[in-house]
Each structure stands twice: as structure tokens, then as C-alpha cells.
């Protein structure tokens, strides 16, 4: 089992969205994680750091599925990359 603590710095475009619309993205991202066998343990708002939100994910696999999930979640390699999430920091926990 591998867990990932992911801190996300959101873009100004995301932060300008109405609260309800920002909140609607969390279930969408959770569904993408499920597609790769990744469970979202929690989402919260960290304090005292530049990132706006934090997620904890868990996978039973060896962790490779997290990297496939991350490509889709962050839309890497597409024109939508960094549209809403500017930067992430990930802590891997074994």
C-alpha cells in the first residue's frame, strides 16, 4: 500500500471561480482517481504554506498507477495543463 500527500497550488483562474464551482471539481478529481484504483482519503486546506489545498490518496498497487492518474488529473500533455492547478508537491508514504 502506498499513500500520497499532495499539496496543490491553484491558478488565479481557479481561485476566481465561484465557491460552488470550485467545490464541484473535487468529486470529478476523485472519480479520475477511482479509475486508476486510487482512493481519495481526504481533501483539506493547509495553513501557513503557499498551496491552497491538500489531498491524501491511497493505492494498493506499487505506486505506478498514481503517476498515470496524475497525468490525467493535471491534464499533462494537453492544452488544459495548469488551467486550474498551477503546481503540486507530493509526499510518498510507504
PDB file of N, CA and C in Angstrom:
ATOM      1  N   UNK A   1       0.848  -1.177   0.000  1.00  0.00           N
ATOM      2  CA  UNK A   1       0.000   0.000   0.000  1.00  0.00           C
ATOM      3  C   UNK A   1       0.894   1.241   0.000  1.00  0.00           C
ATOM      4  N   UNK A   2       0.541   2.188  -0.850  1.00  0.00           N
ATOM      5  CA  UNK A   2       1.284   3.439  -0.948  1.00  0.00           C
ATOM      6  C   UNK A   2       0.290   4.584  -0.770  1.00  0.00           C
ATOM      7  N   UNK A   3       0.706   5.598  -0.023  1.00  0.00           N
ATOM      8  CA  UNK A   3      -0.128   6.786   0.165  1.00  0.00           C
ATOM      9  C   UNK A   3       0.620   8.000  -0.372  1.00  0.00           C
ATOM     10  N   UNK A   4      -0.146   8.958  -0.846  1.00  0.00           N
ATOM     11  CA  UNK A   4       0.420  10.175  -1.406  1.00  0.00           C
ATOM     12  C   UNK A   4      -0.264  11.377  -0.755  1.00  0.00           C
ATOM     13  N   UNK A   5       0.523  12.270  -0.215  1.00  0.00           N
ATOM     14  CA  UNK A   5       0.012  13.534   0.302  1.00  0.00           C
ATOM     15  C   UNK A   5       0.390  14.575  -0.748  1.00  0.00           C
ATOM     16  N   UNK A   6      -0.614  15.227  -1.317  1.00  0.00           N
ATOM     17  CA  UNK A   6      -0.382  16.117  -2.449  1.00  0.00           C
ATOM     18  C   UNK A   6      -0.869  17.523  -2.105  1.00  0.00           C
ATOM     19  N   UNK A   7       0.050  18.468  -2.135  1.00  0.00           N
ATOM     20  CA  UNK A   7      -0.265  19.871  -1.917  1.00  0.00           C
ATOM     21  C   UNK A   7      -0.418  20.532  -3.280  1.00  0.00           C
ATOM     22  N   UNK A   8      -1.505  21.275  -3.481  1.00  0.00           N
ATOM     23  CA  UNK A   8      -1.806  21.881  -4.780  1.00  0.00           C
ATOM     24  C   UNK A   8      -1.867  23.398  -4.671  1.00  0.00           C
ATOM     25  N   UNK A   9      -1.111  24.051  -5.526  1.00  0.00           N
ATOM     26  CA  UNK A   9      -1.208  25.498  -5.668  1.00  0.00           C
ATOM     27  C   UNK A   9      -2.135  25.753  -6.852  1.00  0.00           C
ATOM     28  N   UNK A  10      -3.237  26.411  -6.595  1.00  0.00           N
ATOM     29  CA  UNK A  10      -4.248  26.627  -7.618  1.00  0.00           C
ATOM     30  C   UNK A  10      -3.911  27.878  -8.437  1.00  0.00           C
ATOM     31  N   UNK A  11      -4.448  27.933  -9.648  1.00  0.00           N
ATOM     32  CA  UNK A  11      -4.215  29.089 -10.522  1.00  0.00           C
ATOM     33  C   UNK A  11      -5.167  30.226 -10.149  1.00  0.00           C
ATOM     34  N   UNK A  12      -4.826  31.465 -10.528  1.00  0.00           N
ATOM     35  CA  UNK A  12      -5.756  32.570 -10.305  1.00  0.00           C
ATOM     36  C   UNK A  12      -7.107  32.324 -10.972  1.00  0.00           C
ATOM     37  N   UNK A  13      -7.090  31.662 -12.133  1.00  0.00           N
ATOM     38  CA  UNK A  13      -8.348  31.347 -12.831  1.00  0.00           C
ATOM     39  C   UNK A  13      -9.249  30.474 -11.950  1.00  0.00           C
ATOM     40  N   UNK A  14      -8.675  29.470 -11.311  1.00  0.00           N
ATOM     41  CA  UNK A  14      -9.445  28.600 -10.424  1.00  0.00           C
ATOM     42  C   UNK A  14      -9.955  29.387  -9.219  1.00  0.00           C
ATOM     43  N   UNK A  15      -9.111  30.209  -8.637  1.00  0.00           N
ATOM     44  CA  UNK A  15      -9.480  30.956  -7.425  1.00  0.00           C
ATOM     45  C   UNK A  15     -10.571  31.997  -7.697  1.00  0.00           C
ATOM     46  N   UNK A  16     -10.715  32.423  -8.954  1.00  0.00           N
ATOM     47  CA  UNK A  16     -11.770  33.384  -9.309  1.00  0.00           C
ATOM     48  C   UNK A  16     -13.131  32.710  -9.499  1.00  0.00           C
ATOM     49  N   UNK A  17     -13.149  31.382  -9.637  1.00  0.00           N
ATOM     50  CA  UNK A  17     -14.421  30.676  -9.811  1.00  0.00           C
ATOM     51  C   UNK A  17     -15.281  30.826  -8.555  1.00  0.00           C
ATOM     52  N   UNK A  18     -16.601  30.827  -8.704  1.00  0.00           N
ATOM     53  CA  UNK A  18     -17.469  30.839  -7.521  1.00  0.00           C
ATOM     54  C   UNK A  18     -17.189  29.602  -6.656  1.00  0.00           C
ATOM     55  N   UNK A  19     -17.389  29.727  -5.374  1.00  0.00           N
ATOM     56  CA  UNK A  19     -17.099  28.647  -4.422  1.00  0.00           C
ATOM     57  C   UNK A  19     -17.769  27.337  -4.830  1.00  0.00           C
ATOM     58  N   UNK A  20     -19.026  27.399  -5.237  1.00  0.00           N
ATOM     59  CA  UNK A  20     -19.758  26.188  -5.613  1.00  0.00           C
ATOM     60  C   UNK A  20     -19.081  25.479  -6.786  1.00  0.00           C
ATOM     61  N   UNK A  21     -18.588  26.246  -7.736  1.00  0.00           N
ATOM     62  CA  UNK A  21     -17.924  25.648  -8.893  1.00  0.00           C
ATOM     63  C   UNK A  21     -16.576  25.045  -8.491  1.00  0.00           C
ATOM     64  N   UNK A  22     -15.836  25.730  -7.629  1.00  0.00           N
ATOM     65  CA  UNK A  22     -14.567  25.163  -7.141  1.00  0.00           C
ATOM     66  C   UNK A  22     -14.822  23.854  -6.410  1.00  0.00           C
ATOM     67  N   UNK A  23     -15.856  23.820  -5.583  1.00  0.00           N
ATOM     68  CA  UNK A  23     -16.170  22.603  -4.829  1.00  0.00           C
ATOM     69  C   UNK A  23     -16.602  21.463  -5.749  1.00  0.00           C
ATOM     70  N   UNK A  24     -17.168  21.786  -6.897  1.00  0.00           N
ATOM     71  CA  UNK A  24     -17.641  20.746  -7.818  1.00  0.00           C
ATOM     72  C   UNK A  24     -16.491  19.983  -8.465  1.00  0.00           C
ATOM     73  N   UNK A  25     -15.293  20.529  -8.443  1.00  0.00           N
ATOM     74  CA  UNK A  25     -14.151  19.841  -9.049  1.00  0.00           C
ATOM     75  C   UNK A  25     -13.651  18.685  -8.199  1.00  0.00           C
ATOM     76  N   UNK A  26     -13.833  18.738  -6.887  1.00  0.00           N
ATOM     77  CA  UNK A  26     -13.327  17.685  -6.000  1.00  0.00           C
ATOM     78  C   UNK A  26     -13.906  16.317  -6.366  1.00  0.00           C
ATOM     79  N   UNK A  27     -15.225  16.174  -6.507  1.00  0.00           N
ATOM     80  CA  UNK A  27     -15.767  14.861  -6.902  1.00  0.00           C
ATOM     81  C   UNK A  27     -15.267  14.406  -8.278  1.00  0.00           C
ATOM     82  N   UNK A  28     -15.052  15.340  -9.208  1.00  0.00           N
ATOM     83  CA  UNK A  28     -14.544  14.972 -10.535  1.00  0.00           C
ATOM     84  C   UNK A  28     -13.142  14.374 -10.412  1.00  0.00           C
ATOM     85  N   UNK A  29     -12.292  15.016  -9.610  1.00  0.00           N
ATOM     86  CA  UNK A  29     -10.929  14.526  -9.425  1.00  0.00           C
ATOM     87  C   UNK A  29     -10.931  13.181  -8.700  1.00  0.00           C
ATOM     88  N   UNK A  30     -11.855  13.000  -7.762  1.00  0.00           N
ATOM     89  CA  UNK A  30     -11.980  11.730  -7.047  1.00  0.00           C
ATOM     90  C   UNK A  30     -12.378  10.610  -8.002  1.00  0.00           C
ATOM     91  N   UNK A  31     -13.256  10.916  -8.954  1.00  0.00           N
ATOM     92  CA  UNK A  31     -13.668   9.918  -9.942  1.00  0.00           C
ATOM     93  C   UNK A  31     -12.500   9.513 -10.838  1.00  0.00           C
ATOM     94  N   UNK A  32     -11.675  10.467 -11.211  1.00  0.00           N
ATOM     95  CA  UNK A  32     -10.493  10.134 -12.011  1.00  0.00           C
ATOM     96  C   UNK A  32      -9.580   9.212 -11.209  1.00  0.00           C
ATOM     97  N   UNK A  33      -9.396   9.497  -9.934  1.00  0.00           N
ATOM     98  CA  UNK A  33      -8.550   8.649  -9.076  1.00  0.00           C
ATOM     99  C   UNK A  33      -9.096   7.226  -9.023  1.00  0.00           C
ATOM    100  N   UNK A  34     -10.393   7.085  -8.859  1.00  0.00           N
ATOM    101  CA  UNK A  34     -11.019   5.754  -8.788  1.00  0.00           C
ATOM    102  C   UNK A  34     -10.733   4.937 -10.036  1.00  0.00           C
ATOM    103  N   UNK A  35     -10.707   5.604 -11.173  1.00  0.00           N
ATOM    104  CA  UNK A  35     -10.438   4.947 -12.448  1.00  0.00           C
ATOM    105  C   UNK A  35      -9.100   4.195 -12.419  1.00  0.00           C
ATOM    106  N   UNK A  36      -8.161   4.696 -11.622  1.00  0.00           N
ATOM    107  CA  UNK A  36      -6.827   4.104 -11.525  1.00  0.00           C
ATOM    108  C   UNK A  36      -6.648   3.274 -10.256  1.00  0.00           C
ATOM    109  N   UNK A  37      -7.758   3.006  -9.562  1.00  0.00           N
ATOM    110  CA  UNK A  37      -7.678   2.204  -8.346  1.00  0.00           C
ATOM    111  C   UNK A  37      -7.120   2.968  -7.161  1.00  0.00           C
ATOM    112  N   UNK A  38      -7.259   4.277  -7.192  1.00  0.00           N
ATOM    113  CA  UNK A  38      -6.737   5.144  -6.135  1.00  0.00           C
ATOM    114  C   UNK A  38      -7.901   5.687  -5.322  1.00  0.00           C
ATOM    115  N   UNK A  39      -7.769   5.587  -4.023  1.00  0.00           N
ATOM    116  CA  UNK A  39      -8.804   6.076  -3.111  1.00  0.00           C
ATOM    117  C   UNK A  39      -8.392   7.458  -2.592  1.00  0.00           C
ATOM    118  N   UNK A  40      -9.335   8.400  -2.611  1.00  0.00           N
ATOM    119  CA  UNK A  40      -9.095   9.708  -2.011  1.00  0.00           C
ATOM    120  C   UNK A  40      -9.449   9.602  -0.533  1.00  0.00           C
ATOM    121  N   UNK A  41      -8.447   9.734   0.324  1.00  0.00           N
ATOM    122  CA  UNK A  41      -8.676   9.621   1.765  1.00  0.00           C
ATOM    123  C   UNK A  41      -9.268  10.890   2.343  1.00  0.00           C
ATOM    124  N   UNK A  42      -8.735  12.039   1.932  1.00  0.00           N
ATOM    125  CA  UNK A  42      -9.298  13.317   2.379  1.00  0.00           C
ATOM    126  C   UNK A  42      -8.786  14.445   1.504  1.00  0.00           C
ATOM    127  N   UNK A  43      -9.476  15.556   1.602  1.00  0.00           N
ATOM    128  CA  UNK A  43      -9.088  16.809   0.963  1.00  0.00           C
ATOM    129  C   UNK A  43      -9.258  17.887   2.000  1.00  0.00           C
ATOM    130  N   UNK A  44      -8.319  18.810   2.091  1.00  0.00           N
ATOM    131  CA  UNK A  44      -8.421  19.873   3.082  1.00  0.00           C
ATOM    132  C   UNK A  44      -7.679  21.116   2.637  1.00  0.00           C
ATOM    133  N   UNK A  45      -7.659  22.095   3.524  1.00  0.00           N
ATOM    134  CA  UNK A  45      -6.997  23.365   3.250  1.00  0.00           C
ATOM    135  C   UNK A  45      -5.848  23.550   4.224  1.00  0.00           C
ATOM    136  N   UNK A  46      -4.609  23.484   3.731  1.00  0.00           N
ATOM    137  CA  UNK A  46      -3.453  23.646   4.614  1.00  0.00           C
ATOM    138  C   UNK A  46      -3.300  25.107   5.037  1.00  0.00           C
ATOM    139  N   UNK A  47      -2.595  25.318   6.102  1.00  0.00           N
ATOM    140  CA  UNK A  47      -2.367  26.677   6.593  1.00  0.00           C
ATOM    141  C   UNK A  47      -0.861  26.908   6.704  1.00  0.00           C
ATOM    142  N   UNK A  48      -0.432  28.132   6.415  1.00  0.00           N
ATOM    143  CA  UNK A  48       0.958  28.506   6.585  1.00  0.00           C
ATOM    144  C   UNK A  48       1.877  28.137   5.437  1.00  0.00           C
ATOM    145  N   UNK A  49       1.317  27.668   4.327  1.00  0.00           N
ATOM    146  CA  UNK A  49       2.116  27.366   3.142  1.00  0.00           C
ATOM    147  C   UNK A  49       1.436  27.987   1.934  1.00  0.00           C
ATOM    148  N   UNK A  50       2.138  28.047   0.805  1.00  0.00           N
ATOM    149  CA  UNK A  50       1.580  28.745  -0.365  1.00  0.00           C
ATOM    150  C   UNK A  50       0.499  27.958  -1.095  1.00  0.00           C
ATOM    151  N   UNK A  51       0.450  26.641  -0.903  1.00  0.00           N
ATOM    152  CA  UNK A  51      -0.548  25.830  -1.580  1.00  0.00           C
ATOM    153  C   UNK A  51      -1.929  26.074  -0.986  1.00  0.00           C
ATOM    154  N   UNK A  52      -2.943  25.888  -1.819  1.00  0.00           N
ATOM    155  CA  UNK A  52      -4.321  26.194  -1.423  1.00  0.00           C
ATOM    156  C   UNK A  52      -5.101  24.991  -0.915  1.00  0.00           C
ATOM    157  N   UNK A  53      -4.699  23.802  -1.340  1.00  0.00           N
ATOM    158  CA  UNK A  53      -5.440  22.613  -0.937  1.00  0.00           C
ATOM    159  C   UNK A  53      -4.476  21.433  -0.805  1.00  0.00           C
ATOM    160  N   UNK A  54      -4.905  20.432  -0.052  1.00  0.00           N
ATOM    161  CA  UNK A  54      -4.104  19.226   0.129  1.00  0.00           C
ATOM    162  C   UNK A  54      -5.020  18.014  -0.020  1.00  0.00           C
ATOM    163  N   UNK A  55      -4.494  16.978  -0.657  1.00  0.00           N
ATOM    164  CA  UNK A  55      -5.203  15.715  -0.823  1.00  0.00           C
ATOM    165  C   UNK A  55      -4.348  14.604  -0.232  1.00  0.00           C
ATOM    166  N   UNK A  56      -5.001  13.559   0.226  1.00  0.00           N
ATOM    167  CA  UNK A  56      -4.315  12.319   0.579  1.00  0.00           C
ATOM    168  C   UNK A  56      -4.949  11.219  -0.250  1.00  0.00           C
ATOM    169  N   UNK A  57      -4.113  10.513  -0.996  1.00  0.00           N
ATOM    170  CA  UNK A  57      -4.557   9.416  -1.852  1.00  0.00           C
ATOM    171  C   UNK A  57      -3.907   8.124  -1.375  1.00  0.00           C
ATOM    172  N   UNK A  58      -4.567   7.005  -1.672  1.00  0.00           N
ATOM    173  CA  UNK A  58      -4.033   5.702  -1.292  1.00  0.00           C
ATOM    174  C   UNK A  58      -4.239   4.725  -2.443  1.00  0.00           C
ATOM    175  N   UNK A  59      -3.227   3.894  -2.677  1.00  0.00           N
ATOM    176  CA  UNK A  59      -3.346   2.837  -3.669  1.00  0.00           C
ATOM    177  C   UNK A  59      -2.776   1.549  -3.099  1.00  0.00           C
ATOM    178  N   UNK A  60      -3.369   0.446  -3.505  1.00  0.00           N
ATOM    179  CA  UNK A  60      -2.897  -0.856  -3.055  1.00  0.00           C
ATOM    180  C   UNK A  60      -1.717  -1.308  -3.916  1.00  0.00           C
ATOM    181  N   UNK A  61      -1.595  -0.752  -5.113  1.00  0.00           N
ATOM    182  CA  UNK A  61      -0.528  -1.143  -6.029  1.00  0.00           C
ATOM    183  C   UNK A  61       0.840  -0.639  -5.585  1.00  0.00           C
ATOM    184  N   UNK A  62       1.750  -0.602  -6.537  1.00  0.00           N
ATOM    185  CA  UNK A  62       3.124  -0.211  -6.238  1.00  0.00           C
ATOM    186  C   UNK A  62       3.379   1.284  -6.396  1.00  0.00           C
ATOM    187  N   UNK A  63       2.380   2.032  -6.764  1.00  0.00           N
ATOM    188  CA  UNK A  63       2.517   3.477  -6.898  1.00  0.00           C
ATOM    189  C   UNK A  63       2.538   3.958  -8.338  1.00  0.00           C
ATOM    190  N   UNK A  64       2.780   3.044  -9.285  1.00  0.00           N
ATOM    191  CA  UNK A  64       2.816   3.457 -10.690  1.00  0.00           C
ATOM    192  C   UNK A  64       1.485   4.020 -11.155  1.00  0.00           C
ATOM    193  N   UNK A  65       0.384   3.478 -10.614  1.00  0.00           N
ATOM    194  CA  UNK A  65      -0.929   3.967 -11.029  1.00  0.00           C
ATOM    195  C   UNK A  65      -1.132   5.432 -10.640  1.00  0.00           C
ATOM    196  N   UNK A  66      -0.454   5.882  -9.583  1.00  0.00           N
ATOM    197  CA  UNK A  66      -0.561   7.288  -9.185  1.00  0.00           C
ATOM    198  C   UNK A  66      -0.045   8.192 -10.304  1.00  0.00           C
ATOM    199  N   UNK A  67       1.038   7.807 -10.946  1.00  0.00           N
ATOM    200  CA  UNK A  67       1.620   8.642 -11.991  1.00  0.00           C
ATOM    201  C   UNK A  67       0.742   8.681 -13.235  1.00  0.00           C
ATOM    202  N   UNK A  68       0.059   7.583 -13.534  1.00  0.00           N
ATOM    203  CA  UNK A  68      -0.907   7.589 -14.638  1.00  0.00           C
ATOM    204  C   UNK A  68      -2.089   8.479 -14.281  1.00  0.00           C
ATOM    205  N   UNK A  69      -2.579   8.347 -13.035  1.00  0.00           N
ATOM    206  CA  UNK A  69      -3.673   9.201 -12.553  1.00  0.00           C
ATOM    207  C   UNK A  69      -3.272  10.669 -12.619  1.00  0.00           C
ATOM    208  N   UNK A  70      -2.062  10.990 -12.174  1.00  0.00           N
ATOM    209  CA  UNK A  70      -1.614  12.383 -12.133  1.00  0.00           C
ATOM    210  C   UNK A  70      -1.597  12.997 -13.529  1.00  0.00           C
ATOM    211  N   UNK A  71      -1.188  12.224 -14.531  1.00  0.00           N
ATOM    212  CA  UNK A  71      -1.181  12.749 -15.904  1.00  0.00           C
ATOM    213  C   UNK A  71      -2.586  13.173 -16.336  1.00  0.00           C
ATOM    214  N   UNK A  72      -3.582  12.334 -16.020  1.00  0.00           N
ATOM    215  CA  UNK A  72      -4.955  12.683 -16.409  1.00  0.00           C
ATOM    216  C   UNK A  72      -5.516  13.791 -15.527  1.00  0.00           C
ATOM    217  N   UNK A  73      -5.305  13.689 -14.221  1.00  0.00           N
ATOM    218  CA  UNK A  73      -5.828  14.665 -13.263  1.00  0.00           C
ATOM    219  C   UNK A  73      -5.338  16.070 -13.587  1.00  0.00           C
ATOM    220  N   UNK A  74      -4.054  16.200 -13.887  1.00  0.00           N
ATOM    221  CA  UNK A  74      -3.472  17.513 -14.160  1.00  0.00           C
ATOM    222  C   UNK A  74      -3.499  17.870 -15.636  1.00  0.00           C
ATOM    223  N   UNK A  75      -4.098  16.986 -16.453  1.00  0.00           N
ATOM    224  CA  UNK A  75      -4.220  17.198 -17.903  1.00  0.00           C
ATOM    225  C   UNK A  75      -2.847  17.423 -18.544  1.00  0.00           C
ATOM    226  N   UNK A  76      -1.828  16.728 -18.035  1.00  0.00           N
ATOM    227  CA  UNK A  76      -0.482  16.904 -18.574  1.00  0.00           C
ATOM    228  C   UNK A  76      -0.451  16.492 -20.038  1.00  0.00           C
ATOM    229  N   UNK A  77       0.264  17.262 -20.832  1.00  0.00           N
ATOM    230  CA  UNK A  77       0.359  16.973 -22.259  1.00  0.00           C
ATOM    231  C   UNK A  77      -0.825  17.444 -23.072  1.00  0.00           C
ATOM    232  N   UNK A  78      -1.731  18.203 -22.447  1.00  0.00           N
ATOM    233  CA  UNK A  78      -2.894  18.741 -23.163  1.00  0.00           C
ATOM    234  C   UNK A  78      -2.923  20.263 -22.999  1.00  0.00           C
ATOM    235  N   UNK A  79      -3.713  20.963 -23.807  1.00  0.00           N
ATOM    236  CA  UNK A  79      -3.825  22.424 -23.660  1.00  0.00           C
ATOM    237  C   UNK A  79      -4.407  22.846 -22.306  1.00  0.00           C
ATOM    238  N   UNK A  80      -5.083  21.934 -21.594  1.00  0.00           N
ATOM    239  CA  UNK A  80      -5.672  22.282 -20.296  1.00  0.00           C
ATOM    240  C   UNK A  80      -4.699  22.130 -19.129  1.00  0.00           C
ATOM    241  N   UNK A  81      -3.474  21.688 -19.391  1.00  0.00           N
ATOM    242  CA  UNK A  81      -2.487  21.556 -18.317  1.00  0.00           C
ATOM    243  C   UNK A  81      -2.298  22.914 -17.640  1.00  0.00           C
ATOM    244  N   UNK A  82      -2.201  22.902 -16.352  1.00  0.00           N
ATOM    245  CA  UNK A  82      -2.068  24.079 -15.470  1.00  0.00           C
ATOM    246  C   UNK A  82      -3.195  25.096 -15.626  1.00  0.00           C
ATOM    247  N   UNK A  83      -4.358  24.659 -16.098  1.00  0.00           N
ATOM    248  CA  UNK A  83      -5.506  25.568 -16.181  1.00  0.00           C
ATOM    249  C   UNK A  83      -5.999  25.915 -14.784  1.00  0.00           C
ATOM    250  N   UNK A  84      -6.120  24.911 -13.916  1.00  0.00           N
ATOM    251  CA  UNK A  84      -6.619  25.152 -12.566  1.00  0.00           C
ATOM    252  C   UNK A  84      -5.600  24.829 -11.479  1.00  0.00           C
ATOM    253  N   UNK A  85      -4.730  23.872 -11.723  1.00  0.00           N
ATOM    254  CA  UNK A  85      -3.711  23.521 -10.725  1.00  0.00           C
ATOM    255  C   UNK A  85      -2.361  23.940 -11.279  1.00  0.00           C
ATOM    256  N   UNK A  86      -1.771  24.950 -10.637  1.00  0.00           N
ATOM    257  CA  UNK A  86      -0.521  25.526 -11.123  1.00  0.00           C
ATOM    258  C   UNK A  86       0.680  24.640 -10.801  1.00  0.00           C
ATOM    259  N   UNK A  87       0.688  24.070  -9.603  1.00  0.00           N
ATOM    260  CA  UNK A  87       1.846  23.331  -9.143  1.00  0.00           C
ATOM    261  C   UNK A  87       1.412  22.333  -8.075  1.00  0.00           C
ATOM    262  N   UNK A  88       2.113  21.207  -8.000  1.00  0.00           N
ATOM    263  CA  UNK A  88       1.850  20.240  -6.927  1.00  0.00           C
ATOM    264  C   UNK A  88       3.156  19.819  -6.282  1.00  0.00           C
ATOM    265  N   UNK A  89       3.055  19.458  -5.017  1.00  0.00           N
ATOM    266  CA  UNK A  89       4.154  18.820  -4.280  1.00  0.00           C
ATOM    267  C   UNK A  89       3.584  17.537  -3.722  1.00  0.00           C
ATOM    268  N   UNK A  90       4.309  16.445  -3.895  1.00  0.00           N
ATOM    269  CA  UNK A  90       3.811  15.143  -3.456  1.00  0.00           C
ATOM    270  C   UNK A  90       4.781  14.518  -2.467  1.00  0.00           C
ATOM    271  N   UNK A  91       4.241  14.026  -1.380  1.00  0.00           N
ATOM    272  CA  UNK A  91       4.994  13.255  -0.395  1.00  0.00           C
ATOM    273  C   UNK A  91       4.489  11.827  -0.503  1.00  0.00           C
ATOM    274  N   UNK A  92       5.384  10.902  -0.796  1.00  0.00           N
ATOM    275  CA  UNK A  92       5.016   9.497  -0.916  1.00  0.00           C
ATOM    276  C   UNK A  92       5.284   8.807   0.408  1.00  0.00           C
ATOM    277  N   UNK A  93       4.300   8.050   0.903  1.00  0.00           N
ATOM    278  CA  UNK A  93       4.401   7.381   2.198  1.00  0.00           C
ATOM    279  C   UNK A  93       4.206   5.878   1.971  1.00  0.00           C
ATOM    280  N   UNK A  94       5.184   5.088   2.407  1.00  0.00           N
ATOM    281  CA  UNK A  94       5.102   3.614   2.270  1.00  0.00           C
ATOM    282  C   UNK A  94       4.747   2.983   3.570  1.00  0.00           C
TER     283      UNK A  94
END
